[in-house]
Amino acid sequence: MDTATSKAKDEAQIRKLMENWADALKGRDIDKMMANYSPDVVVFGFAPPLQLKGADQYRQNWIEFFNALEGRIGYETRDLEIITHGDIAFSHFLNRINAKMKGSDDGEGNWMRVTVCFRKIDGRWLVTHEHVSCPIDGRTGSAVLDLEP
């Protein structure tokens, strides 16, 4: 298989992984979501703590998030880019999770910046690092959550 064909195949596999993850999120299927992560994943999420180490810790973070929600979960992605090289790949994109927190009237999510790193392990792409962030106002130190792509 030539390099271009191999890269296209790898990119298609990663896109499918990301689509499956989004479907699992919307369906609150924690097992399906976590099947995409390596056991030693490191996550820099939007919410505390500063970092999560390992799939077990990240699973608990998602369980707590799901327990804090009511109603349906929406998810959208914009400006997805995927770059592959051998057994390493990364993607960056904007995303928004629309979900109503219990006791809240607002179910409209905020756009976040996301970078995801992948490794092909035993022939299968897995997430090894995930980083979610939002811009910070340099004068106030506050998160800027009302930006639109």
N, C-alpha and C. Protein backbone atom coordinates (compact mmCIF):
# COMPACT_ATOMS: atom_id res chain seq x y z
N MET A 1 0.84 -1.17 0.00
CA MET A 1 0.00 0.00 0.00
C MET A 1 0.89 1.23 0.00
N ASP A 2 0.63 2.19 -0.90
CA ASP A 2 1.46 3.39 -0.93
C ASP A 2 1.14 4.31 0.24
N THR A 3 2.01 5.29 0.47
CA THR A 3 1.89 6.17 1.63
C THR A 3 0.59 6.95 1.62
N ALA A 4 0.19 7.49 0.48
CA ALA A 4 -1.04 8.27 0.40
C ALA A 4 -2.26 7.41 0.76
N THR A 5 -2.28 6.19 0.25
CA THR A 5 -3.40 5.29 0.54
C THR A 5 -3.41 4.92 2.02
N SER A 6 -2.25 4.67 2.59
CA SER A 6 -2.13 4.32 4.00
C SER A 6 -2.60 5.48 4.88
N LYS A 7 -2.18 6.71 4.55
CA LYS A 7 -2.60 7.89 5.32
C LYS A 7 -4.10 8.09 5.22
N ALA A 8 -4.66 7.91 4.03
CA ALA A 8 -6.11 8.07 3.86
C ALA A 8 -6.87 7.02 4.68
N LYS A 9 -6.36 5.80 4.70
CA LYS A 9 -6.99 4.73 5.48
C LYS A 9 -6.92 5.05 6.97
N ASP A 10 -5.75 5.50 7.44
CA ASP A 10 -5.59 5.85 8.85
C ASP A 10 -6.52 7.00 9.23
N GLU A 11 -6.58 8.02 8.39
CA GLU A 11 -7.46 9.15 8.66
C GLU A 11 -8.92 8.71 8.73
N ALA A 12 -9.33 7.85 7.82
CA ALA A 12 -10.71 7.35 7.82
C ALA A 12 -11.00 6.57 9.11
N GLN A 13 -10.04 5.77 9.58
CA GLN A 13 -10.22 5.02 10.82
C GLN A 13 -10.37 5.97 12.01
N ILE A 14 -9.57 7.03 12.03
CA ILE A 14 -9.65 7.99 13.13
C ILE A 14 -10.97 8.75 13.07
N ARG A 15 -11.41 9.15 11.89
CA ARG A 15 -12.72 9.81 11.76
C ARG A 15 -13.83 8.91 12.29
N LYS A 16 -13.76 7.64 11.96
CA LYS A 16 -14.77 6.69 12.42
C LYS A 16 -14.72 6.56 13.94
N LEU A 17 -13.54 6.49 14.51
CA LEU A 17 -13.38 6.44 15.96
C LEU A 17 -14.05 7.66 16.60
N MET A 18 -13.82 8.83 16.02
CA MET A 18 -14.38 10.06 16.56
C MET A 18 -15.90 10.09 16.41
N GLU A 19 -16.42 9.58 15.31
CA GLU A 19 -17.88 9.49 15.13
C GLU A 19 -18.48 8.53 16.15
N ASN A 20 -17.84 7.38 16.36
CA ASN A 20 -18.32 6.42 17.35
C ASN A 20 -18.32 7.01 18.75
N TRP A 21 -17.26 7.78 19.06
CA TRP A 21 -17.18 8.43 20.37
C TRP A 21 -18.33 9.42 20.54
N ALA A 22 -18.60 10.22 19.51
CA ALA A 22 -19.69 11.21 19.58
C ALA A 22 -21.04 10.50 19.77
N ASP A 23 -21.27 9.42 19.05
CA ASP A 23 -22.50 8.65 19.21
C ASP A 23 -22.62 8.10 20.63
N ALA A 24 -21.51 7.61 21.17
CA ALA A 24 -21.50 7.08 22.53
C ALA A 24 -21.79 8.19 23.55
N LEU A 25 -21.21 9.36 23.34
CA LEU A 25 -21.46 10.50 24.22
C LEU A 25 -22.95 10.83 24.23
N LYS A 26 -23.53 10.99 23.05
CA LYS A 26 -24.95 11.34 22.97
C LYS A 26 -25.83 10.26 23.57
N GLY A 27 -25.40 9.01 23.52
CA GLY A 27 -26.15 7.90 24.10
C GLY A 27 -25.77 7.57 25.53
N ARG A 28 -24.84 8.34 26.11
CA ARG A 28 -24.36 8.12 27.47
C ARG A 28 -23.81 6.70 27.66
N ASP A 29 -23.16 6.20 26.62
CA ASP A 29 -22.61 4.84 26.67
C ASP A 29 -21.13 4.93 27.06
N ILE A 30 -20.89 4.90 28.35
CA ILE A 30 -19.54 5.10 28.88
C ILE A 30 -18.57 4.02 28.40
N ASP A 31 -19.02 2.78 28.29
CA ASP A 31 -18.12 1.71 27.84
C ASP A 31 -17.69 1.93 26.39
N LYS A 32 -18.62 2.32 25.54
CA LYS A 32 -18.30 2.59 24.14
C LYS A 32 -17.35 3.79 24.02
N MET A 33 -17.58 4.81 24.83
CA MET A 33 -16.68 5.98 24.81
C MET A 33 -15.27 5.58 25.21
N MET A 34 -15.15 4.86 26.33
CA MET A 34 -13.84 4.57 26.89
C MET A 34 -13.08 3.54 26.07
N ALA A 35 -13.76 2.82 25.20
CA ALA A 35 -13.08 1.85 24.33
C ALA A 35 -12.11 2.54 23.38
N ASN A 36 -12.23 3.86 23.22
CA ASN A 36 -11.37 4.63 22.32
C ASN A 36 -10.08 5.11 22.96
N TYR A 37 -9.91 4.88 24.27
CA TYR A 37 -8.77 5.43 25.00
C TYR A 37 -7.78 4.34 25.39
N SER A 38 -6.49 4.70 25.35
CA SER A 38 -5.47 3.79 25.85
C SER A 38 -5.56 3.76 27.38
N PRO A 39 -5.17 2.67 28.00
CA PRO A 39 -5.24 2.59 29.47
C PRO A 39 -4.44 3.70 30.17
N ASP A 40 -3.38 4.19 29.52
CA ASP A 40 -2.52 5.21 30.14
C ASP A 40 -2.77 6.62 29.60
N VAL A 41 -3.97 6.88 29.09
CA VAL A 41 -4.30 8.20 28.55
C VAL A 41 -4.05 9.29 29.59
N VAL A 42 -3.62 10.45 29.11
CA VAL A 42 -3.49 11.64 29.95
C VAL A 42 -4.40 12.69 29.37
N VAL A 43 -5.26 13.28 30.24
CA VAL A 43 -6.26 14.24 29.78
C VAL A 43 -6.09 15.55 30.51
N PHE A 44 -6.04 16.63 29.74
CA PHE A 44 -6.10 17.99 30.27
C PHE A 44 -7.49 18.49 29.89
N GLY A 45 -8.44 18.32 30.79
CA GLY A 45 -9.82 18.67 30.50
C GLY A 45 -10.13 20.12 30.83
N PHE A 46 -11.35 20.51 30.52
CA PHE A 46 -11.80 21.87 30.81
C PHE A 46 -12.08 22.05 32.30
N ALA A 47 -12.70 21.05 32.90
CA ALA A 47 -13.05 21.12 34.32
C ALA A 47 -11.91 20.53 35.16
N PRO A 48 -11.85 20.91 36.45
CA PRO A 48 -10.86 20.30 37.31
C PRO A 48 -11.00 18.79 37.36
N PRO A 49 -9.93 18.09 37.69
CA PRO A 49 -8.64 18.55 38.17
C PRO A 49 -7.73 19.02 37.03
N LEU A 50 -6.53 19.39 37.37
CA LEU A 50 -5.57 19.90 36.42
C LEU A 50 -5.25 18.88 35.34
N GLN A 51 -5.18 17.62 35.72
CA GLN A 51 -4.96 16.55 34.75
C GLN A 51 -5.56 15.25 35.27
N LEU A 52 -5.90 14.41 34.33
CA LEU A 52 -6.40 13.07 34.66
C LEU A 52 -5.42 12.08 34.05
N LYS A 53 -5.01 11.09 34.84
CA LYS A 53 -4.07 10.09 34.36
C LYS A 53 -4.73 8.73 34.37
N GLY A 54 -4.84 8.13 33.21
CA GLY A 54 -5.37 6.79 33.09
C GLY A 54 -6.85 6.77 32.73
N ALA A 55 -7.22 5.74 32.00
CA ALA A 55 -8.60 5.59 31.53
C ALA A 55 -9.58 5.43 32.69
N ASP A 56 -9.17 4.79 33.77
CA ASP A 56 -10.08 4.61 34.91
C ASP A 56 -10.46 5.96 35.53
N GLN A 57 -9.48 6.83 35.68
CA GLN A 57 -9.75 8.15 36.24
C GLN A 57 -10.62 8.97 35.29
N TYR A 58 -10.35 8.87 33.99
CA TYR A 58 -11.14 9.62 33.02
C TYR A 58 -12.57 9.09 32.95
N ARG A 59 -12.74 7.78 33.04
CA ARG A 59 -14.07 7.17 33.07
C ARG A 59 -14.89 7.78 34.22
N GLN A 60 -14.29 7.87 35.40
CA GLN A 60 -15.00 8.42 36.56
C GLN A 60 -15.41 9.87 36.31
N ASN A 61 -14.56 10.63 35.65
CA ASN A 61 -14.86 12.02 35.31
C ASN A 61 -16.11 12.09 34.44
N TRP A 62 -16.22 11.21 33.44
CA TRP A 62 -17.40 11.18 32.55
C TRP A 62 -18.64 10.72 33.30
N ILE A 63 -18.51 9.75 34.18
CA ILE A 63 -19.65 9.29 34.96
C ILE A 63 -20.22 10.44 35.79
N GLU A 64 -19.34 11.20 36.42
CA GLU A 64 -19.78 12.35 37.21
C GLU A 64 -20.46 13.39 36.33
N PHE A 65 -19.93 13.62 35.13
CA PHE A 65 -20.54 14.56 34.19
C PHE A 65 -21.94 14.10 33.80
N PHE A 66 -22.07 12.83 33.40
CA PHE A 66 -23.39 12.30 33.02
C PHE A 66 -24.38 12.40 34.17
N ASN A 67 -23.93 12.14 35.38
CA ASN A 67 -24.82 12.21 36.55
C ASN A 67 -25.28 13.62 36.85
N ALA A 68 -24.56 14.62 36.37
CA ALA A 68 -24.91 16.02 36.61
C ALA A 68 -25.88 16.56 35.55
N LEU A 69 -26.21 15.75 34.55
CA LEU A 69 -27.03 16.20 33.44
C LEU A 69 -28.44 15.66 33.51
N GLU A 70 -29.34 16.39 32.82
CA GLU A 70 -30.69 15.88 32.59
C GLU A 70 -31.04 16.13 31.13
N GLY A 71 -31.82 15.22 30.58
CA GLY A 71 -32.23 15.38 29.19
C GLY A 71 -31.19 14.89 28.21
N ARG A 72 -31.41 15.26 26.97
CA ARG A 72 -30.56 14.78 25.90
C ARG A 72 -29.23 15.52 25.84
N ILE A 73 -28.26 14.88 25.19
CA ILE A 73 -26.94 15.48 24.99
C ILE A 73 -26.75 15.70 23.49
N GLY A 74 -26.42 16.91 23.13
CA GLY A 74 -26.09 17.24 21.75
C GLY A 74 -24.58 17.42 21.63
N TYR A 75 -24.08 17.23 20.42
CA TYR A 75 -22.62 17.36 20.22
C TYR A 75 -22.37 17.81 18.79
N GLU A 76 -21.51 18.78 18.63
CA GLU A 76 -21.12 19.18 17.28
C GLU A 76 -19.64 19.52 17.23
N THR A 77 -19.08 19.33 16.06
CA THR A 77 -17.66 19.55 15.81
C THR A 77 -17.51 20.46 14.60
N ARG A 78 -16.53 21.32 14.64
CA ARG A 78 -16.20 22.17 13.50
C ARG A 78 -14.70 22.16 13.25
N ASP A 79 -14.34 22.36 12.00
CA ASP A 79 -12.94 22.57 11.60
C ASP A 79 -12.01 21.43 11.98
N LEU A 80 -12.49 20.20 11.83
CA LEU A 80 -11.69 19.03 12.18
C LEU A 80 -10.52 18.85 11.20
N GLU A 81 -9.32 18.73 11.76
CA GLU A 81 -8.11 18.41 11.01
C GLU A 81 -7.49 17.17 11.63
N ILE A 82 -7.05 16.24 10.80
CA ILE A 82 -6.37 15.04 11.27
C ILE A 82 -5.06 14.90 10.51
N ILE A 83 -4.00 14.69 11.25
CA ILE A 83 -2.68 14.49 10.65
C ILE A 83 -2.15 13.15 11.16
N THR A 84 -1.71 12.31 10.24
CA THR A 84 -1.15 11.01 10.62
C THR A 84 0.28 10.89 10.13
N HIS A 85 1.06 10.13 10.87
CA HIS A 85 2.43 9.82 10.47
C HIS A 85 2.81 8.50 11.14
N GLY A 86 2.81 7.45 10.35
CA GLY A 86 3.12 6.14 10.91
C GLY A 86 2.09 5.73 11.94
N ASP A 87 2.55 5.41 13.15
CA ASP A 87 1.66 4.97 14.22
C ASP A 87 1.26 6.08 15.18
N ILE A 88 1.49 7.34 14.75
CA ILE A 88 1.14 8.50 15.57
C ILE A 88 0.22 9.40 14.74
N ALA A 89 -0.77 9.99 15.41
CA ALA A 89 -1.66 10.94 14.74
C ALA A 89 -2.15 11.95 15.76
N PHE A 90 -2.60 13.10 15.25
CA PHE A 90 -3.27 14.05 16.13
C PHE A 90 -4.36 14.74 15.34
N SER A 91 -5.31 15.26 16.09
CA SER A 91 -6.38 16.04 15.48
C SER A 91 -6.59 17.29 16.31
N HIS A 92 -7.12 18.30 15.67
CA HIS A 92 -7.54 19.49 16.40
C HIS A 92 -8.84 19.97 15.78
N PHE A 93 -9.69 20.52 16.61
CA PHE A 93 -11.02 20.93 16.17
C PHE A 93 -11.68 21.77 17.25
N LEU A 94 -12.82 22.33 16.91
CA LEU A 94 -13.67 23.02 17.87
C LEU A 94 -14.85 22.09 18.15
N ASN A 95 -15.31 22.07 19.39
CA ASN A 95 -16.50 21.27 19.68
C ASN A 95 -17.37 21.94 20.71
N ARG A 96 -18.61 21.49 20.72
CA ARG A 96 -19.58 21.99 21.70
C ARG A 96 -20.46 20.82 22.12
N ILE A 97 -20.57 20.66 23.44
CA ILE A 97 -21.49 19.68 24.01
C ILE A 97 -22.67 20.48 24.55
N ASN A 98 -23.84 20.22 23.98
CA ASN A 98 -25.07 20.88 24.44
C ASN A 98 -25.77 19.93 25.41
N ALA A 99 -25.82 20.33 26.66
CA ALA A 99 -26.43 19.49 27.68
C ALA A 99 -26.88 20.36 28.84
N LYS A 100 -28.01 20.03 29.39
CA LYS A 100 -28.57 20.80 30.49
C LYS A 100 -28.12 20.20 31.82
N MET A 101 -27.47 21.02 32.61
CA MET A 101 -27.07 20.59 33.94
C MET A 101 -28.30 20.57 34.83
N LYS A 102 -28.37 19.62 35.75
CA LYS A 102 -29.50 19.56 36.68
C LYS A 102 -29.61 20.88 37.42
N GLY A 103 -30.84 21.42 37.49
CA GLY A 103 -31.07 22.67 38.20
C GLY A 103 -30.79 23.91 37.37
N SER A 104 -30.42 23.74 36.11
CA SER A 104 -30.10 24.88 35.24
C SER A 104 -31.18 25.02 34.17
N ASP A 105 -31.35 26.24 33.68
CA ASP A 105 -32.29 26.47 32.57
C ASP A 105 -31.57 26.44 31.23
N ASP A 106 -30.26 26.51 31.25
CA ASP A 106 -29.47 26.63 30.03
C ASP A 106 -28.91 25.28 29.61
N GLY A 107 -29.19 24.87 28.36
CA GLY A 107 -28.64 23.64 27.83
C GLY A 107 -27.72 23.89 26.66
N GLU A 108 -27.44 25.17 26.40
CA GLU A 108 -26.58 25.53 25.28
C GLU A 108 -25.13 25.49 25.74
N GLY A 109 -24.33 24.67 25.10
CA GLY A 109 -22.93 24.54 25.48
C GLY A 109 -22.07 25.66 24.92
N ASN A 110 -20.82 25.63 25.30
CA ASN A 110 -19.84 26.61 24.84
C ASN A 110 -18.87 25.93 23.90
N TRP A 111 -18.37 26.69 22.95
CA TRP A 111 -17.37 26.15 22.02
C TRP A 111 -16.03 26.04 22.74
N MET A 112 -15.40 24.89 22.57
CA MET A 112 -14.10 24.61 23.16
C MET A 112 -13.10 24.27 22.06
N ARG A 113 -11.83 24.41 22.40
CA ARG A 113 -10.75 24.01 21.50
C ARG A 113 -10.25 22.65 21.98
N VAL A 114 -10.06 21.73 21.05
CA VAL A 114 -9.68 20.37 21.43
C VAL A 114 -8.52 19.89 20.57
N THR A 115 -7.55 19.27 21.20
CA THR A 115 -6.47 18.56 20.52
C THR A 115 -6.46 17.14 21.06
N VAL A 116 -6.44 16.18 20.15
CA VAL A 116 -6.42 14.77 20.54
C VAL A 116 -5.24 14.09 19.86
N CYS A 117 -4.45 13.36 20.64
CA CYS A 117 -3.32 12.60 20.11
C CYS A 117 -3.68 11.12 20.14
N PHE A 118 -3.28 10.42 19.08
CA PHE A 118 -3.59 9.00 18.91
C PHE A 118 -2.31 8.22 18.70
N ARG A 119 -2.35 6.95 19.09
CA ARG A 119 -1.30 6.00 18.77
C ARG A 119 -1.95 4.74 18.24
N LYS A 120 -1.35 4.17 17.22
CA LYS A 120 -1.84 2.88 16.72
C LYS A 120 -1.18 1.80 17.56
N ILE A 121 -2.02 1.10 18.34
CA ILE A 121 -1.54 0.08 19.26
C ILE A 121 -2.17 -1.24 18.83
N ASP A 122 -1.32 -2.22 18.51
CA ASP A 122 -1.81 -3.51 18.02
C ASP A 122 -2.78 -3.34 16.85
N GLY A 123 -2.43 -2.42 15.95
CA GLY A 123 -3.22 -2.21 14.74
C GLY A 123 -4.48 -1.39 14.92
N ARG A 124 -4.70 -0.81 16.09
CA ARG A 124 -5.92 -0.06 16.37
C ARG A 124 -5.58 1.32 16.92
N TRP A 125 -6.22 2.36 16.38
CA TRP A 125 -5.99 3.72 16.85
C TRP A 125 -6.67 3.91 18.20
N LEU A 126 -5.92 4.46 19.16
CA LEU A 126 -6.45 4.78 20.48
C LEU A 126 -6.01 6.18 20.88
N VAL A 127 -6.83 6.85 21.66
CA VAL A 127 -6.50 8.18 22.18
C VAL A 127 -5.51 8.01 23.32
N THR A 128 -4.37 8.71 23.22
CA THR A 128 -3.37 8.66 24.29
C THR A 128 -3.26 9.99 25.03
N HIS A 129 -3.76 11.05 24.42
CA HIS A 129 -3.77 12.37 25.08
C HIS A 129 -4.91 13.20 24.52
N GLU A 130 -5.57 13.92 25.41
CA GLU A 130 -6.67 14.80 25.01
C GLU A 130 -6.51 16.11 25.78
N HIS A 131 -6.69 17.22 25.07
CA HIS A 131 -6.55 18.53 25.70
C HIS A 131 -7.72 19.40 25.26
N VAL A 132 -8.48 19.89 26.23
CA VAL A 132 -9.63 20.75 25.98
C VAL A 132 -9.36 22.09 26.65
N SER A 133 -9.62 23.18 25.92
CA SER A 133 -9.37 24.49 26.51
C SER A 133 -10.33 25.52 25.95
N CYS A 134 -10.32 26.69 26.59
CA CYS A 134 -11.06 27.84 26.08
C CYS A 134 -10.15 29.06 26.25
N PRO A 135 -10.41 30.09 25.47
CA PRO A 135 -9.60 31.31 25.62
C PRO A 135 -9.82 31.95 26.99
N ILE A 136 -8.81 32.65 27.46
CA ILE A 136 -8.86 33.35 28.74
C ILE A 136 -8.67 34.84 28.47
N ASP A 137 -9.49 35.67 29.10
CA ASP A 137 -9.33 37.12 29.02
C ASP A 137 -8.11 37.49 29.86
N GLY A 138 -7.08 38.03 29.22
CA GLY A 138 -5.83 38.36 29.90
C GLY A 138 -5.97 39.42 30.98
N ARG A 139 -6.94 40.29 30.86
CA ARG A 139 -7.13 41.35 31.87
C ARG A 139 -7.81 40.84 33.13
N THR A 140 -8.79 39.93 32.95
CA THR A 140 -9.58 39.48 34.10
C THR A 140 -9.21 38.09 34.58
N GLY A 141 -8.56 37.31 33.72
CA GLY A 141 -8.25 35.93 34.06
C GLY A 141 -9.45 35.01 33.93
N SER A 142 -10.55 35.53 33.41
CA SER A 142 -11.79 34.74 33.28
C SER A 142 -11.84 34.03 31.94
N ALA A 143 -12.48 32.88 31.96
CA ALA A 143 -12.71 32.14 30.71
C ALA A 143 -13.65 32.95 29.82
N VAL A 144 -13.38 32.91 28.52
CA VAL A 144 -14.25 33.58 27.54
C VAL A 144 -15.06 32.47 26.87
N LEU A 145 -16.34 32.40 27.25
CA LEU A 145 -17.16 31.27 26.84
C LEU A 145 -18.22 31.60 25.79
N ASP A 146 -18.24 32.84 25.32
CA ASP A 146 -19.30 33.22 24.40
C ASP A 146 -18.83 33.37 22.96
N LEU A 147 -17.67 32.83 22.63
CA LEU A 147 -17.15 32.93 21.28
C LEU A 147 -17.82 31.90 20.36
N GLU A 148 -17.99 32.28 19.11
CA GLU A 148 -18.59 31.39 18.09
C GLU A 148 -17.58 31.19 16.97
N PRO A 149 -17.55 30.00 16.39
CA PRO A 149 -16.63 29.77 15.26
C PRO A 149 -17.09 30.52 14.01
